[in-house]
Amino acid sequence: MDVEIRYGPDHIDWKAVCGIFEQVPLRNKEPDKLQRAAEKSYVVCTVHCDDTVIGFGRALSDGEYQSAIYDVVVLPEYQGRGVGRMIMEALLKRLPDGPVLIYVVPGREAFYRKLGFDDLNTGMAKFYDKERARKKGYIE
């Protein structure tokens, strides 16, 4: 499989990226909102196969102490082939040293543990749609 990692939010087909969200167990995104979010992100990367976007991820950071990774998605037919790992490694290498937080889809924790992430003992979150978060398994 010949793939290419591209950095930055420019020249991304946002409808195609949002199409990936529709196929995986993450909340659907609106192209214009995702584009604005990416433009405000610290690092953005896409993975392309034959000029087709097959994966996406972005991270926020203060540039000094802490970072958070969001929206890591891979087309289902490319999952299990190292694309998710490529995205994570691409994001991590451009983030400053320090803690990196990530929301994890329930059931995908093992993938992130292999990349060195650990479960938090003290993490908390405020969800505006608590019932949806509860149904998805993010909160008890």
N, C-alpha and C. Protein backbone atom coordinates (compact mmCIF):
# COMPACT_ATOMS: atom_id res chain seq x y z
N MET A 1 0.85 -1.17 0.00
CA MET A 1 0.00 0.00 0.00
C MET A 1 0.90 1.24 0.00
N ASP A 2 0.76 2.08 -1.00
CA ASP A 2 1.55 3.28 -1.14
C ASP A 2 0.73 4.47 -0.64
N VAL A 3 1.13 5.02 0.51
CA VAL A 3 0.38 6.12 1.11
C VAL A 3 1.31 7.31 1.34
N GLU A 4 0.69 8.49 1.49
CA GLU A 4 1.43 9.71 1.72
C GLU A 4 0.77 10.47 2.87
N ILE A 5 1.60 11.00 3.78
CA ILE A 5 1.11 11.85 4.86
C ILE A 5 1.29 13.29 4.43
N ARG A 6 0.22 14.07 4.60
CA ARG A 6 0.27 15.50 4.29
C ARG A 6 -0.10 16.27 5.56
N TYR A 7 0.61 17.36 5.78
CA TYR A 7 0.36 18.20 6.95
C TYR A 7 -0.35 19.48 6.54
N GLY A 8 -1.15 19.99 7.46
CA GLY A 8 -1.80 21.28 7.28
C GLY A 8 -3.23 21.14 6.77
N PRO A 9 -4.03 22.18 7.01
CA PRO A 9 -5.44 22.13 6.63
C PRO A 9 -5.73 22.57 5.20
N ASP A 10 -4.71 23.06 4.49
CA ASP A 10 -4.93 23.53 3.13
C ASP A 10 -5.11 22.37 2.16
N HIS A 11 -5.90 22.58 1.16
CA HIS A 11 -6.10 21.62 0.06
C HIS A 11 -6.71 20.30 0.52
N ILE A 12 -7.48 20.32 1.60
CA ILE A 12 -8.17 19.12 2.07
C ILE A 12 -9.59 19.13 1.53
N ASP A 13 -10.03 18.00 1.04
CA ASP A 13 -11.43 17.83 0.62
C ASP A 13 -12.23 17.54 1.88
N TRP A 14 -12.83 18.58 2.45
CA TRP A 14 -13.51 18.45 3.74
C TRP A 14 -14.73 17.56 3.67
N LYS A 15 -15.41 17.52 2.55
CA LYS A 15 -16.55 16.61 2.40
C LYS A 15 -16.07 15.16 2.46
N ALA A 16 -14.93 14.88 1.84
CA ALA A 16 -14.38 13.51 1.86
C ALA A 16 -13.99 13.12 3.28
N VAL A 17 -13.36 14.04 4.01
CA VAL A 17 -12.97 13.74 5.40
C VAL A 17 -14.22 13.50 6.24
N CYS A 18 -15.23 14.34 6.08
CA CYS A 18 -16.48 14.14 6.82
C CYS A 18 -17.14 12.82 6.44
N GLY A 19 -16.94 12.37 5.22
CA GLY A 19 -17.44 11.07 4.79
C GLY A 19 -16.82 9.93 5.58
N ILE A 20 -15.56 10.11 5.99
CA ILE A 20 -14.92 9.09 6.83
C ILE A 20 -15.61 9.04 8.19
N PHE A 21 -15.89 10.20 8.76
CA PHE A 21 -16.59 10.25 10.05
C PHE A 21 -17.93 9.52 9.99
N GLU A 22 -18.61 9.60 8.86
CA GLU A 22 -19.91 8.94 8.70
C GLU A 22 -19.78 7.42 8.72
N GLN A 23 -18.58 6.91 8.39
CA GLN A 23 -18.38 5.47 8.30
C GLN A 23 -17.78 4.84 9.55
N VAL A 24 -17.33 5.65 10.49
CA VAL A 24 -16.72 5.13 11.71
C VAL A 24 -17.55 5.56 12.92
N PRO A 25 -17.32 4.97 14.07
CA PRO A 25 -18.16 5.27 15.23
C PRO A 25 -17.83 6.58 15.94
N LEU A 26 -17.67 7.65 15.18
CA LEU A 26 -17.48 8.97 15.77
C LEU A 26 -18.62 9.87 15.30
N ARG A 27 -18.83 10.90 16.05
CA ARG A 27 -19.90 11.85 15.72
C ARG A 27 -19.65 12.47 14.35
N ASN A 28 -20.68 12.52 13.53
CA ASN A 28 -20.56 13.13 12.21
C ASN A 28 -20.16 14.59 12.32
N LYS A 29 -19.42 15.05 11.35
CA LYS A 29 -18.92 16.42 11.33
C LYS A 29 -19.50 17.16 10.12
N GLU A 30 -19.57 18.47 10.26
CA GLU A 30 -19.97 19.33 9.15
C GLU A 30 -18.70 19.88 8.51
N PRO A 31 -18.58 19.81 7.17
CA PRO A 31 -17.34 20.21 6.50
C PRO A 31 -16.82 21.60 6.88
N ASP A 32 -17.70 22.60 6.90
CA ASP A 32 -17.21 23.95 7.19
C ASP A 32 -16.76 24.09 8.63
N LYS A 33 -17.44 23.44 9.57
CA LYS A 33 -17.03 23.50 10.98
C LYS A 33 -15.72 22.75 11.20
N LEU A 34 -15.58 21.58 10.56
CA LEU A 34 -14.34 20.81 10.71
C LEU A 34 -13.17 21.58 10.12
N GLN A 35 -13.39 22.22 9.00
CA GLN A 35 -12.33 23.04 8.40
C GLN A 35 -11.90 24.15 9.34
N ARG A 36 -12.85 24.87 9.92
CA ARG A 36 -12.50 25.94 10.86
C ARG A 36 -11.76 25.38 12.08
N ALA A 37 -12.21 24.24 12.59
CA ALA A 37 -11.53 23.62 13.73
C ALA A 37 -10.10 23.25 13.35
N ALA A 38 -9.91 22.68 12.17
CA ALA A 38 -8.57 22.29 11.72
C ALA A 38 -7.67 23.51 11.55
N GLU A 39 -8.23 24.58 11.02
CA GLU A 39 -7.43 25.79 10.83
C GLU A 39 -6.94 26.38 12.16
N LYS A 40 -7.66 26.11 13.24
CA LYS A 40 -7.28 26.59 14.56
C LYS A 40 -6.43 25.57 15.33
N SER A 41 -6.19 24.41 14.74
CA SER A 41 -5.45 23.34 15.40
C SER A 41 -3.94 23.58 15.30
N TYR A 42 -3.21 22.97 16.21
CA TYR A 42 -1.75 23.07 16.26
C TYR A 42 -1.12 22.28 15.12
N VAL A 43 -1.65 21.09 14.88
CA VAL A 43 -1.16 20.24 13.78
C VAL A 43 -2.34 19.46 13.22
N VAL A 44 -2.33 19.32 11.90
CA VAL A 44 -3.35 18.56 11.17
C VAL A 44 -2.62 17.65 10.20
N CYS A 45 -3.08 16.42 10.09
CA CYS A 45 -2.49 15.57 9.06
C CYS A 45 -3.57 14.71 8.41
N THR A 46 -3.33 14.43 7.15
CA THR A 46 -4.18 13.51 6.40
C THR A 46 -3.28 12.45 5.79
N VAL A 47 -3.85 11.28 5.58
CA VAL A 47 -3.15 10.21 4.88
C VAL A 47 -3.90 9.98 3.58
N HIS A 48 -3.14 9.91 2.49
CA HIS A 48 -3.72 9.76 1.16
C HIS A 48 -3.19 8.49 0.50
N CYS A 49 -4.05 7.83 -0.21
CA CYS A 49 -3.69 6.69 -1.06
C CYS A 49 -4.21 7.02 -2.45
N ASP A 50 -3.30 7.15 -3.40
CA ASP A 50 -3.69 7.53 -4.76
C ASP A 50 -4.55 8.79 -4.78
N ASP A 51 -4.14 9.80 -4.04
CA ASP A 51 -4.83 11.09 -3.94
C ASP A 51 -6.22 11.02 -3.31
N THR A 52 -6.57 9.90 -2.72
CA THR A 52 -7.82 9.78 -1.97
C THR A 52 -7.49 9.85 -0.50
N VAL A 53 -8.19 10.74 0.23
CA VAL A 53 -7.94 10.84 1.67
C VAL A 53 -8.53 9.60 2.34
N ILE A 54 -7.67 8.89 3.10
CA ILE A 54 -8.12 7.67 3.77
C ILE A 54 -8.04 7.78 5.29
N GLY A 55 -7.42 8.88 5.78
CA GLY A 55 -7.31 9.07 7.21
C GLY A 55 -7.06 10.53 7.54
N PHE A 56 -7.41 10.89 8.78
CA PHE A 56 -7.33 12.28 9.22
C PHE A 56 -7.09 12.31 10.71
N GLY A 57 -6.40 13.33 11.19
CA GLY A 57 -6.25 13.56 12.62
C GLY A 57 -5.77 14.98 12.85
N ARG A 58 -6.06 15.49 14.04
CA ARG A 58 -5.61 16.84 14.38
C ARG A 58 -5.31 16.90 15.87
N ALA A 59 -4.53 17.91 16.25
CA ALA A 59 -4.17 18.08 17.66
C ALA A 59 -4.17 19.56 18.02
N LEU A 60 -4.53 19.82 19.26
CA LEU A 60 -4.44 21.15 19.85
C LEU A 60 -3.26 21.15 20.81
N SER A 61 -2.66 22.31 21.01
CA SER A 61 -1.57 22.40 21.97
C SER A 61 -1.36 23.85 22.36
N ASP A 62 -0.83 24.06 23.57
CA ASP A 62 -0.40 25.39 23.95
C ASP A 62 1.02 25.64 23.46
N GLY A 63 1.64 24.63 22.85
CA GLY A 63 2.98 24.78 22.29
C GLY A 63 4.11 24.65 23.29
N GLU A 64 3.76 24.50 24.55
CA GLU A 64 4.78 24.45 25.59
C GLU A 64 4.62 23.28 26.55
N TYR A 65 3.41 23.06 27.04
CA TYR A 65 3.22 22.11 28.12
C TYR A 65 2.29 20.95 27.81
N GLN A 66 1.15 21.22 27.20
CA GLN A 66 0.14 20.17 27.05
C GLN A 66 -0.47 20.17 25.66
N SER A 67 -0.96 18.99 25.29
CA SER A 67 -1.59 18.83 23.98
C SER A 67 -2.76 17.86 24.11
N ALA A 68 -3.61 17.88 23.10
CA ALA A 68 -4.74 16.95 23.03
C ALA A 68 -4.95 16.58 21.57
N ILE A 69 -5.17 15.30 21.34
CA ILE A 69 -5.40 14.79 19.98
C ILE A 69 -6.89 14.54 19.81
N TYR A 70 -7.39 14.93 18.64
CA TYR A 70 -8.81 14.79 18.32
C TYR A 70 -9.00 14.23 16.91
N ASP A 71 -10.16 13.64 16.72
CA ASP A 71 -10.67 13.32 15.38
C ASP A 71 -9.77 12.41 14.55
N VAL A 72 -9.17 11.42 15.17
CA VAL A 72 -8.38 10.45 14.41
C VAL A 72 -9.34 9.45 13.78
N VAL A 73 -9.40 9.46 12.45
CA VAL A 73 -10.32 8.58 11.72
C VAL A 73 -9.60 7.95 10.53
N VAL A 74 -10.00 6.72 10.24
CA VAL A 74 -9.45 5.98 9.11
C VAL A 74 -10.61 5.27 8.42
N LEU A 75 -10.65 5.34 7.10
CA LEU A 75 -11.68 4.61 6.36
C LEU A 75 -11.68 3.15 6.79
N PRO A 76 -12.84 2.56 7.00
CA PRO A 76 -12.90 1.18 7.50
C PRO A 76 -12.07 0.19 6.68
N GLU A 77 -12.05 0.33 5.37
CA GLU A 77 -11.30 -0.64 4.55
C GLU A 77 -9.79 -0.51 4.70
N TYR A 78 -9.31 0.55 5.34
CA TYR A 78 -7.89 0.74 5.58
C TYR A 78 -7.51 0.53 7.05
N GLN A 79 -8.49 0.26 7.90
CA GLN A 79 -8.20 0.02 9.30
C GLN A 79 -7.46 -1.32 9.45
N GLY A 80 -6.58 -1.39 10.43
CA GLY A 80 -5.80 -2.60 10.65
C GLY A 80 -4.60 -2.72 9.73
N ARG A 81 -4.28 -1.66 8.99
CA ARG A 81 -3.18 -1.67 8.04
C ARG A 81 -2.10 -0.64 8.38
N GLY A 82 -2.15 -0.11 9.60
CA GLY A 82 -1.12 0.82 10.05
C GLY A 82 -1.39 2.28 9.78
N VAL A 83 -2.53 2.61 9.19
CA VAL A 83 -2.83 4.00 8.87
C VAL A 83 -3.08 4.81 10.15
N GLY A 84 -3.83 4.27 11.07
CA GLY A 84 -4.08 4.97 12.34
C GLY A 84 -2.78 5.23 13.09
N ARG A 85 -1.90 4.25 13.10
CA ARG A 85 -0.59 4.42 13.75
C ARG A 85 0.20 5.52 13.05
N MET A 86 0.14 5.56 11.73
CA MET A 86 0.85 6.61 10.98
C MET A 86 0.34 7.99 11.38
N ILE A 87 -0.98 8.13 11.48
CA ILE A 87 -1.56 9.42 11.86
C ILE A 87 -1.10 9.82 13.26
N MET A 88 -1.21 8.89 14.19
CA MET A 88 -0.82 9.19 15.57
C MET A 88 0.65 9.56 15.66
N GLU A 89 1.52 8.81 15.02
CA GLU A 89 2.94 9.11 15.06
C GLU A 89 3.25 10.45 14.41
N ALA A 90 2.54 10.77 13.31
CA ALA A 90 2.74 12.05 12.64
C ALA A 90 2.34 13.21 13.55
N LEU A 91 1.22 13.06 14.24
CA LEU A 91 0.77 14.11 15.16
C LEU A 91 1.73 14.23 16.34
N LEU A 92 2.07 13.10 16.95
CA LEU A 92 2.91 13.12 18.15
C LEU A 92 4.29 13.73 17.89
N LYS A 93 4.85 13.47 16.73
CA LYS A 93 6.20 14.00 16.47
C LYS A 93 6.21 15.51 16.29
N ARG A 94 5.06 16.11 16.05
CA ARG A 94 4.99 17.57 15.89
C ARG A 94 4.47 18.28 17.14
N LEU A 95 4.18 17.52 18.19
CA LEU A 95 3.71 18.12 19.44
C LEU A 95 4.87 18.31 20.41
N PRO A 96 4.78 19.32 21.29
CA PRO A 96 5.84 19.52 22.28
C PRO A 96 5.84 18.40 23.31
N ASP A 97 6.97 18.25 23.98
CA ASP A 97 7.04 17.28 25.07
C ASP A 97 6.06 17.69 26.16
N GLY A 98 5.46 16.72 26.78
CA GLY A 98 4.48 16.98 27.83
C GLY A 98 3.30 16.05 27.65
N PRO A 99 2.36 16.12 28.57
CA PRO A 99 1.19 15.23 28.48
C PRO A 99 0.39 15.46 27.21
N VAL A 100 -0.09 14.37 26.64
CA VAL A 100 -0.97 14.41 25.47
C VAL A 100 -2.23 13.65 25.85
N LEU A 101 -3.35 14.32 25.80
CA LEU A 101 -4.64 13.72 26.13
C LEU A 101 -5.37 13.32 24.86
N ILE A 102 -6.26 12.33 24.98
CA ILE A 102 -7.06 11.91 23.84
C ILE A 102 -8.35 11.28 24.34
N TYR A 103 -9.46 11.61 23.68
CA TYR A 103 -10.70 10.87 23.89
C TYR A 103 -10.58 9.59 23.09
N VAL A 104 -10.99 8.48 23.68
CA VAL A 104 -10.88 7.19 23.00
C VAL A 104 -12.27 6.58 22.86
N VAL A 105 -12.60 6.15 21.65
CA VAL A 105 -13.85 5.45 21.43
C VAL A 105 -13.82 4.17 22.27
N PRO A 106 -14.84 3.95 23.09
CA PRO A 106 -14.86 2.70 23.88
C PRO A 106 -14.64 1.49 22.98
N GLY A 107 -13.72 0.63 23.43
CA GLY A 107 -13.36 -0.55 22.66
C GLY A 107 -12.07 -0.38 21.87
N ARG A 108 -11.57 0.85 21.75
CA ARG A 108 -10.34 1.12 20.99
C ARG A 108 -9.14 1.43 21.90
N GLU A 109 -9.31 1.23 23.19
CA GLU A 109 -8.25 1.58 24.14
C GLU A 109 -6.95 0.85 23.87
N ALA A 110 -7.01 -0.41 23.48
CA ALA A 110 -5.79 -1.20 23.26
C ALA A 110 -4.90 -0.59 22.17
N PHE A 111 -5.51 -0.03 21.14
CA PHE A 111 -4.75 0.61 20.07
C PHE A 111 -3.88 1.74 20.65
N TYR A 112 -4.47 2.57 21.49
CA TYR A 112 -3.75 3.71 22.05
C TYR A 112 -2.75 3.28 23.11
N ARG A 113 -3.05 2.23 23.83
CA ARG A 113 -2.08 1.70 24.80
C ARG A 113 -0.80 1.25 24.09
N LYS A 114 -0.94 0.65 22.91
CA LYS A 114 0.23 0.22 22.13
C LYS A 114 1.11 1.41 21.74
N LEU A 115 0.51 2.59 21.69
CA LEU A 115 1.25 3.80 21.34
C LEU A 115 1.78 4.54 22.56
N GLY A 116 1.62 3.92 23.75
CA GLY A 116 2.17 4.49 24.97
C GLY A 116 1.20 5.29 25.82
N PHE A 117 -0.07 5.32 25.45
CA PHE A 117 -1.06 6.05 26.24
C PHE A 117 -1.51 5.18 27.42
N ASP A 118 -1.82 5.85 28.52
CA ASP A 118 -2.28 5.17 29.74
C ASP A 118 -3.66 5.71 30.12
N ASP A 119 -4.40 4.90 30.88
CA ASP A 119 -5.68 5.34 31.42
C ASP A 119 -5.43 6.41 32.48
N LEU A 120 -6.31 7.40 32.53
CA LEU A 120 -6.21 8.45 33.54
C LEU A 120 -6.94 8.05 34.81
N ASN A 121 -6.36 8.38 35.93
CA ASN A 121 -7.04 8.19 37.21
C ASN A 121 -7.85 9.42 37.60
N THR A 122 -7.47 10.56 37.07
CA THR A 122 -8.08 11.81 37.52
C THR A 122 -8.80 12.58 36.43
N GLY A 123 -9.00 11.98 35.28
CA GLY A 123 -9.64 12.69 34.18
C GLY A 123 -11.13 12.87 34.39
N MET A 124 -11.62 13.98 33.92
CA MET A 124 -13.06 14.27 33.97
C MET A 124 -13.41 15.02 32.70
N ALA A 125 -14.68 15.01 32.35
CA ALA A 125 -15.14 15.73 31.18
C ALA A 125 -16.54 16.26 31.43
N LYS A 126 -16.85 17.36 30.78
CA LYS A 126 -18.19 17.91 30.83
C LYS A 126 -18.78 17.78 29.44
N PHE A 127 -19.83 17.02 29.31
CA PHE A 127 -20.51 16.83 28.04
C PHE A 127 -21.83 17.57 28.08
N TYR A 128 -22.13 18.30 27.03
CA TYR A 128 -23.40 19.02 26.97
C TYR A 128 -24.56 18.09 26.66
N ASP A 129 -24.29 17.01 25.94
CA ASP A 129 -25.31 15.98 25.69
C ASP A 129 -24.90 14.76 26.50
N LYS A 130 -25.18 14.81 27.80
CA LYS A 130 -24.74 13.75 28.71
C LYS A 130 -25.35 12.40 28.36
N GLU A 131 -26.59 12.39 27.94
CA GLU A 131 -27.24 11.12 27.61
C GLU A 131 -26.55 10.45 26.42
N ARG A 132 -26.21 11.23 25.40
CA ARG A 132 -25.50 10.68 24.24
C ARG A 132 -24.13 10.15 24.68
N ALA A 133 -23.41 10.91 25.50
CA ALA A 133 -22.10 10.48 25.99
C ALA A 133 -22.20 9.20 26.79
N ARG A 134 -23.25 9.10 27.57
CA ARG A 134 -23.49 7.88 28.38
C ARG A 134 -23.77 6.69 27.46
N LYS A 135 -24.63 6.89 26.46
CA LYS A 135 -24.96 5.81 25.52
C LYS A 135 -23.74 5.34 24.72
N LYS A 136 -22.85 6.28 24.41
CA LYS A 136 -21.64 5.94 23.65
C LYS A 136 -20.57 5.31 24.53
N GLY A 137 -20.76 5.34 25.85
CA GLY A 137 -19.80 4.71 26.76
C GLY A 137 -18.68 5.61 27.23
N TYR A 138 -18.80 6.93 27.02
CA TYR A 138 -17.76 7.84 27.46
C TYR A 138 -17.86 8.17 28.95
N ILE A 139 -19.06 8.16 29.49
CA ILE A 139 -19.26 8.42 30.92
C ILE A 139 -20.21 7.38 31.50
N GLU A 140 -20.16 7.25 32.80
CA GLU A 140 -21.02 6.26 33.46
C GLU A 140 -22.33 6.91 33.90
